C-alpha atoms as a PDB file:
ATOM      1  CA  MET A   1     -20.140   2.663  27.021  1.00  0.00           C
ATOM      2  CA  SER A   2     -20.441   3.584  23.353  1.00  0.00           C
ATOM      3  CA  ILE A   3     -23.719   2.881  21.564  1.00  0.00           C
ATOM      4  CA  TYR A   4     -23.556   1.883  17.933  1.00  0.00           C
ATOM      5  CA  ALA A   5     -25.174  -0.159  15.210  1.00  0.00           C
ATOM      6  CA  ASP A   6     -22.774  -3.010  14.557  1.00  0.00           C
ATOM      7  CA  HIS A   7     -23.056  -4.540  11.055  1.00  0.00           C
ATOM      8  CA  ILE A   8     -26.845  -4.812  11.220  1.00  0.00           C
ATOM      9  CA  SER A   9     -28.818  -6.570   8.506  1.00  0.00           C
ATOM     10  CA  LYS A  10     -32.594  -6.860   8.296  1.00  0.00           C
ATOM     11  CA  SER A  11     -34.847  -8.139   5.503  1.00  0.00           C
ATOM     12  CA  TYR A  12     -38.612  -8.309   5.051  1.00  0.00           C
ATOM     13  CA  ASN A  13     -39.984 -10.992   2.742  1.00  0.00           C
ATOM     14  CA  GLY A  14     -36.536 -11.446   1.266  1.00  0.00           C
ATOM     15  CA  VAL A  15     -36.050  -7.728   0.576  1.00  0.00           C
ATOM     16  CA  PRO A  16     -33.035  -6.276   2.439  1.00  0.00           C
ATOM     17  CA  VAL A  17     -33.861  -3.057   4.299  1.00  0.00           C
ATOM     18  CA  LEU A  18     -30.554  -2.891   6.163  1.00  0.00           C
ATOM     19  CA  SER A  19     -27.433  -4.706   4.982  1.00  0.00           C
ATOM     20  CA  ASP A  20     -24.246  -4.750   7.072  1.00  0.00           C
ATOM     21  CA  PHE A  21     -25.188  -1.308   8.401  1.00  0.00           C
ATOM     22  CA  SER A  22     -23.037   0.366  11.054  1.00  0.00           C
ATOM     23  CA  LEU A  23     -23.291   3.748  12.761  1.00  0.00           C
ATOM     24  CA  ILE A  24     -21.507   5.016  15.868  1.00  0.00           C
ATOM     25  CA  LEU A  25     -23.391   7.427  18.136  1.00  0.00           C
ATOM     26  CA  PRO A  26     -21.724  10.200  20.134  1.00  0.00           C
ATOM     27  CA  ASP A  27     -21.914  10.213  23.929  1.00  0.00           C
ATOM     28  CA  HIS A  28     -24.356  13.110  23.670  1.00  0.00           C
ATOM     29  CA  GLY A  29     -25.821  15.405  21.048  1.00  0.00           C
ATOM     30  CA  ILE A  30     -28.284  15.060  18.192  1.00  0.00           C
ATOM     31  CA  VAL A  31     -27.701  12.806  15.207  1.00  0.00           C
ATOM     32  CA  GLY A  32     -30.066  13.750  12.376  1.00  0.00           C
ATOM     33  CA  LEU A  33     -31.169  11.204   9.796  1.00  0.00           C
ATOM     34  CA  SER A  34     -33.019  12.197   6.642  1.00  0.00           C
ATOM     35  CA  GLY A  35     -34.051  10.272   3.564  1.00  0.00           C
ATOM     36  CA  PRO A  36     -36.981   9.094   1.455  1.00  0.00           C
ATOM     37  CA  SER A  37     -39.841   7.110   2.950  1.00  0.00           C
ATOM     38  CA  GLY A  38     -39.248   3.372   2.982  1.00  0.00           C
ATOM     39  CA  CYS A  39     -35.450   3.493   2.906  1.00  0.00           C
ATOM     40  CA  GLY A  40     -35.020   1.879   6.335  1.00  0.00           C
ATOM     41  CA  LYS A  41     -34.855   4.754   8.813  1.00  0.00           C
ATOM     42  CA  THR A  42     -37.722   3.581  11.035  1.00  0.00           C
ATOM     43  CA  THR A  43     -36.523  -0.028  10.907  1.00  0.00           C
ATOM     44  CA  PHE A  44     -33.141   1.197  12.136  1.00  0.00           C
ATOM     45  CA  LEU A  45     -34.767   3.089  15.019  1.00  0.00           C
ATOM     46  CA  HIS A  46     -36.881   0.087  15.995  1.00  0.00           C
ATOM     47  CA  ILE A  47     -33.807  -2.141  16.092  1.00  0.00           C
ATOM     48  CA  MET A  48     -31.952   0.388  18.250  1.00  0.00           C
ATOM     49  CA  ALA A  49     -34.986   0.517  20.555  1.00  0.00           C
ATOM     50  CA  GLY A  50     -35.033  -3.273  20.853  1.00  0.00           C
ATOM     51  CA  LEU A  51     -38.512  -3.498  19.345  1.00  0.00           C
ATOM     52  CA  ILE A  52     -37.405  -5.756  16.493  1.00  0.00           C
ATOM     53  CA  SER A  53     -34.401  -8.022  16.167  1.00  0.00           C
ATOM     54  CA  PRO A  54     -31.898  -7.778  13.323  1.00  0.00           C
ATOM     55  CA  ASP A  55     -31.254 -10.810  11.152  1.00  0.00           C
ATOM     56  CA  SER A  56     -27.562 -10.348  11.918  1.00  0.00           C
ATOM     57  CA  GLY A  57     -25.397  -7.826  13.707  1.00  0.00           C
ATOM     58  CA  SER A  58     -26.412  -6.015  16.867  1.00  0.00           C
ATOM     59  CA  ALA A  59     -27.232  -2.735  18.541  1.00  0.00           C
ATOM     60  CA  HIS A  60     -24.095  -2.609  20.642  1.00  0.00           C
ATOM     61  CA  GLY A  61     -24.007  -0.926  24.034  1.00  0.00           C
ATOM     62  CA  MET A  62     -27.745  -1.223  24.636  1.00  0.00           C
ATOM     63  CA  GLU A  63     -27.520  -3.785  27.408  1.00  0.00           C
ATOM     64  CA  GLY A  64     -29.440  -2.563  30.437  1.00  0.00           C
ATOM     65  CA  ILE A  65     -29.950   1.014  29.266  1.00  0.00           C
ATOM     66  CA  ARG A  66     -33.281   2.826  29.152  1.00  0.00           C
ATOM     67  CA  THR A  67     -34.472   4.169  25.812  1.00  0.00           C
ATOM     68  CA  GLY A  68     -37.069   6.880  25.195  1.00  0.00           C
ATOM     69  CA  VAL A  69     -38.942   6.762  21.898  1.00  0.00           C
ATOM     70  CA  VAL A  70     -41.254   9.050  19.954  1.00  0.00           C
ATOM     71  CA  PHE A  71     -42.937   7.001  17.249  1.00  0.00           C
ATOM     72  CA  GLN A  72     -44.491   8.324  14.055  1.00  0.00           C
ATOM     73  CA  GLU A  73     -47.823   7.642  15.783  1.00  0.00           C
ATOM     74  CA  ASP A  74     -48.476   9.478  19.048  1.00  0.00           C
ATOM     75  CA  ARG A  75     -49.484   6.309  20.942  1.00  0.00           C
ATOM     76  CA  LEU A  76     -51.299   8.111  23.740  1.00  0.00           C
ATOM     77  CA  LEU A  77     -53.627   5.989  25.854  1.00  0.00           C
ATOM     78  CA  PRO A  78     -57.125   7.148  24.824  1.00  0.00           C
ATOM     79  CA  TRP A  79     -58.723   6.449  28.203  1.00  0.00           C
ATOM     80  CA  LEU A  80     -56.276   8.749  30.028  1.00  0.00           C
ATOM     81  CA  THR A  81     -56.204  12.551  30.039  1.00  0.00           C
ATOM     82  CA  ALA A  82     -53.216  14.543  28.803  1.00  0.00           C
ATOM     83  CA  GLN A  83     -52.033  14.909  32.385  1.00  0.00           C
ATOM     84  CA  GLU A  84     -52.487  11.206  33.124  1.00  0.00           C
ATOM     85  CA  ASN A  85     -50.648  10.165  29.949  1.00  0.00           C
ATOM     86  CA  LEU A  86     -47.663  12.261  30.987  1.00  0.00           C
ATOM     87  CA  ASN A  87     -47.813  11.245  34.630  1.00  0.00           C
ATOM     88  CA  LEU A  88     -47.412   7.587  33.666  1.00  0.00           C
ATOM     89  CA  ILE A  89     -43.780   8.497  32.970  1.00  0.00           C
ATOM     90  CA  VAL A  90     -43.190  11.442  35.294  1.00  0.00           C
ATOM     91  CA  ASN A  91     -44.958   9.885  38.301  1.00  0.00           C
ATOM     92  CA  ASN A  92     -45.117  13.242  40.058  1.00  0.00           C
ATOM     93  CA  GLN A  93     -48.150  15.487  39.648  1.00  0.00           C
ATOM     94  CA  THR A  94     -46.244  18.714  40.250  1.00  0.00           C
ATOM     95  CA  HIS A  95     -43.582  17.856  37.668  1.00  0.00           C
ATOM     96  CA  THR A  96     -46.249  16.678  35.243  1.00  0.00           C
ATOM     97  CA  LEU A  97     -47.972  20.055  35.446  1.00  0.00           C
ATOM     98  CA  GLN A  98     -44.610  21.737  34.881  1.00  0.00           C
ATOM     99  CA  TRP A  99     -44.134  19.686  31.720  1.00  0.00           C
ATOM    100  CA  LEU A 100     -47.607  20.626  30.494  1.00  0.00           C
ATOM    101  CA  HIS A 101     -46.741  24.266  31.090  1.00  0.00           C
ATOM    102  CA  SER A 102     -43.458  23.922  29.186  1.00  0.00           C
ATOM    103  CA  ILE A 103     -45.280  22.569  26.106  1.00  0.00           C
ATOM    104  CA  GLN A 104     -48.032  25.216  26.437  1.00  0.00           C
ATOM    105  CA  LEU A 105     -50.803  22.747  27.246  1.00  0.00           C
ATOM    106  CA  SER A 106     -51.639  23.586  30.864  1.00  0.00           C
ATOM    107  CA  ASP A 107     -55.227  24.342  29.841  1.00  0.00           C
ATOM    108  CA  LYS A 108     -55.591  20.846  28.312  1.00  0.00           C
ATOM    109  CA  ALA A 109     -54.505  18.859  31.384  1.00  0.00           C
ATOM    110  CA  ASP A 110     -57.924  17.223  31.791  1.00  0.00           C
ATOM    111  CA  SER A 111     -58.597  16.686  28.079  1.00  0.00           C
ATOM    112  CA  TYR A 112     -58.573  13.218  26.530  1.00  0.00           C
ATOM    113  CA  PRO A 113     -56.610  12.486  23.334  1.00  0.00           C
ATOM    114  CA  SER A 114     -59.815  12.468  21.272  1.00  0.00           C
ATOM    115  CA  GLU A 115     -60.369  16.092  22.337  1.00  0.00           C
ATOM    116  CA  LEU A 116     -56.888  17.239  21.282  1.00  0.00           C
ATOM    117  CA  SER A 117     -55.551  18.347  17.915  1.00  0.00           C
ATOM    118  CA  GLY A 118     -52.805  16.387  16.185  1.00  0.00           C
ATOM    119  CA  GLY A 119     -50.211  18.959  17.187  1.00  0.00           C
ATOM    120  CA  MET A 120     -51.301  18.844  20.826  1.00  0.00           C
ATOM    121  CA  LYS A 121     -51.042  15.060  20.915  1.00  0.00           C
ATOM    122  CA  ARG A 122     -47.623  15.301  19.288  1.00  0.00           C
ATOM    123  CA  ARG A 123     -46.369  17.645  21.996  1.00  0.00           C
ATOM    124  CA  ILE A 124     -47.576  15.307  24.726  1.00  0.00           C
ATOM    125  CA  ALA A 125     -45.923  12.313  23.065  1.00  0.00           C
ATOM    126  CA  LEU A 126     -42.657  14.234  22.763  1.00  0.00           C
ATOM    127  CA  ALA A 127     -42.820  15.548  26.331  1.00  0.00           C
ATOM    128  CA  ARG A 128     -43.465  12.020  27.590  1.00  0.00           C
ATOM    129  CA  ALA A 129     -40.267  10.790  25.915  1.00  0.00           C
ATOM    130  CA  LEU A 130     -38.240  13.791  27.071  1.00  0.00           C
ATOM    131  CA  ALA A 131     -39.437  13.353  30.653  1.00  0.00           C
ATOM    132  CA  TYR A 132     -38.366   9.707  30.721  1.00  0.00           C
ATOM    133  CA  ASP A 133     -35.119   9.098  32.600  1.00  0.00           C
ATOM    134  CA  CYS A 134     -33.282   7.386  29.750  1.00  0.00           C
ATOM    135  CA  GLU A 135     -29.780   7.088  28.286  1.00  0.00           C
ATOM    136  CA  LEU A 136     -30.824   7.133  24.618  1.00  0.00           C
ATOM    137  CA  LEU A 137     -33.599   9.081  22.895  1.00  0.00           C
ATOM    138  CA  LEU A 138     -35.047   8.066  19.513  1.00  0.00           C
ATOM    139  CA  LEU A 139     -37.307  10.543  17.722  1.00  0.00           C
ATOM    140  CA  ASP A 140     -39.209   9.602  14.552  1.00  0.00           C
ATOM    141  CA  GLU A 141     -40.602  12.761  12.885  1.00  0.00           C
ATOM    142  CA  PRO A 142     -41.076  14.340  16.333  1.00  0.00           C
ATOM    143  CA  PHE A 143     -42.382  17.739  15.190  1.00  0.00           C
ATOM    144  CA  GLN A 144     -44.959  16.719  12.596  1.00  0.00           C
ATOM    145  CA  GLY A 145     -48.157  18.731  12.889  1.00  0.00           C
ATOM    146  CA  LEU A 146     -46.544  21.615  14.803  1.00  0.00           C
ATOM    147  CA  ASP A 147     -46.481  25.180  13.572  1.00  0.00           C
ATOM    148  CA  ASP A 148     -43.205  27.079  13.469  1.00  0.00           C
ATOM    149  CA  ALA A 149     -43.703  28.876  16.794  1.00  0.00           C
ATOM    150  CA  LEU A 150     -44.396  25.633  18.655  1.00  0.00           C
ATOM    151  CA  LYS A 151     -41.455  23.945  16.974  1.00  0.00           C
ATOM    152  CA  VAL A 152     -39.123  26.551  18.434  1.00  0.00           C
ATOM    153  CA  THR A 153     -40.419  25.748  21.931  1.00  0.00           C
ATOM    154  CA  MET A 154     -39.974  22.012  21.428  1.00  0.00           C
ATOM    155  CA  TYR A 155     -36.527  22.454  19.836  1.00  0.00           C
ATOM    156  CA  GLU A 156     -35.227  23.910  23.083  1.00  0.00           C
ATOM    157  CA  LEU A 157     -36.524  20.960  25.115  1.00  0.00           C
ATOM    158  CA  VAL A 158     -34.839  18.499  22.752  1.00  0.00           C
ATOM    159  CA  ARG A 159     -31.576  20.450  22.832  1.00  0.00           C
ATOM    160  CA  ARG A 160     -31.639  20.349  26.628  1.00  0.00           C
ATOM    161  CA  ALA A 161     -32.151  16.576  26.649  1.00  0.00           C
ATOM    162  CA  ALA A 162     -29.287  16.091  24.181  1.00  0.00           C
ATOM    163  CA  LEU A 163     -26.778  17.717  26.528  1.00  0.00           C
ATOM    164  CA  ALA A 164     -26.661  14.516  28.564  1.00  0.00           C
ATOM    165  CA  LYS A 165     -27.452  11.721  26.095  1.00  0.00           C
ATOM    166  CA  PRO A 166     -27.345  10.772  22.424  1.00  0.00           C
ATOM    167  CA  VAL A 167     -30.470  11.569  20.420  1.00  0.00           C
ATOM    168  CA  ILE A 168     -31.275  10.101  17.005  1.00  0.00           C
ATOM    169  CA  MET A 169     -33.793  12.250  15.179  1.00  0.00           C
ATOM    170  CA  VAL A 170     -35.397  11.125  11.918  1.00  0.00           C
ATOM    171  CA  SER A 171     -36.934  13.929   9.889  1.00  0.00           C
ATOM    172  CA  HIS A 172     -37.819  14.724   6.287  1.00  0.00           C
ATOM    173  CA  ASP A 173     -37.437  18.411   7.125  1.00  0.00           C
ATOM    174  CA  ILE A 174     -33.855  19.464   6.406  1.00  0.00           C
ATOM    175  CA  ILE A 175     -34.546  22.850   8.029  1.00  0.00           C
ATOM    176  CA  GLU A 176     -35.297  21.061  11.318  1.00  0.00           C
ATOM    177  CA  LEU A 177     -32.131  19.027  11.027  1.00  0.00           C
ATOM    178  CA  ASN A 178     -29.973  22.048  10.216  1.00  0.00           C
ATOM    179  CA  GLU A 179     -31.472  23.843  13.197  1.00  0.00           C
ATOM    180  CA  LEU A 180     -31.002  21.025  15.699  1.00  0.00           C
ATOM    181  CA  ALA A 181     -28.587  18.304  14.675  1.00  0.00           C
ATOM    182  CA  ASP A 182     -24.896  18.183  15.565  1.00  0.00           C
ATOM    183  CA  GLN A 183     -24.373  15.528  12.903  1.00  0.00           C
ATOM    184  CA  ILE A 184     -26.542  14.944   9.825  1.00  0.00           C
ATOM    185  CA  TYR A 185     -26.716  11.800   7.693  1.00  0.00           C
ATOM    186  CA  GLN A 186     -28.549  11.572   4.383  1.00  0.00           C
ATOM    187  CA  ALA A 187     -30.021   8.122   3.872  1.00  0.00           C
ATOM    188  CA  SER A 188     -30.805   6.359   0.616  1.00  0.00           C
ATOM    189  CA  GLY A 189     -31.669   2.825  -0.325  1.00  0.00           C
ATOM    190  CA  THR A 190     -32.942   0.159   0.180  1.00  0.00           C
ATOM    191  CA  PRO A 191     -30.907  -1.356   1.655  1.00  0.00           C
ATOM    192  CA  MET A 192     -30.208   1.836   3.552  1.00  0.00           C
ATOM    193  CA  THR A 193     -26.867   3.554   3.168  1.00  0.00           C
ATOM    194  CA  VAL A 194     -26.000   6.895   4.745  1.00  0.00           C
ATOM    195  CA  LYS A 195     -23.715   9.742   3.815  1.00  0.00           C
ATOM    196  CA  LYS A 196     -22.610  12.234   6.455  1.00  0.00           C
ATOM    197  CA  THR A 197     -23.378  15.771   5.342  1.00  0.00           C
ATOM    198  CA  ARG A 198     -22.443  17.536   8.590  1.00  0.00           C
END
């Protein structure tokens, strides 16, 4: 079943953030979305994730599907270690350790979020979403805080996930989008409008 934003409108305090907005997602691959802060990108992601409801229109094709999300905030549980945060999703200690190895954090398995750098927490948040058995993946600035070498490692994990599902990736970094995205949309607004640039 196709997933798409179907004539979505959303306002806050009378100010339209999205107005009759539509976007069709591919069956798989990465859709990149770039644009200035406050133009509606995160609101769009939250509607697609079912976290907020549109004033009108709908996120079509979302009925009964599982969605993985990386928020702008890492949202790790502070009372759990890196390994425990990941294992909440993976639910298999061996596979969890494999994920930690793949994001180069095997030596931080028993560290709590307060003991990790911003980039380390970001990698765990991204790995948690990638490990989730979902049909749609939504990434909001997923690589913030990572140096170039670590980005390359994480790029490959995202590419692998996108072989089997659609991924929407919001980023201010056009280099990231050119490196990863199969389709790129430049957003402006509000209300948000998009122009396909690739």
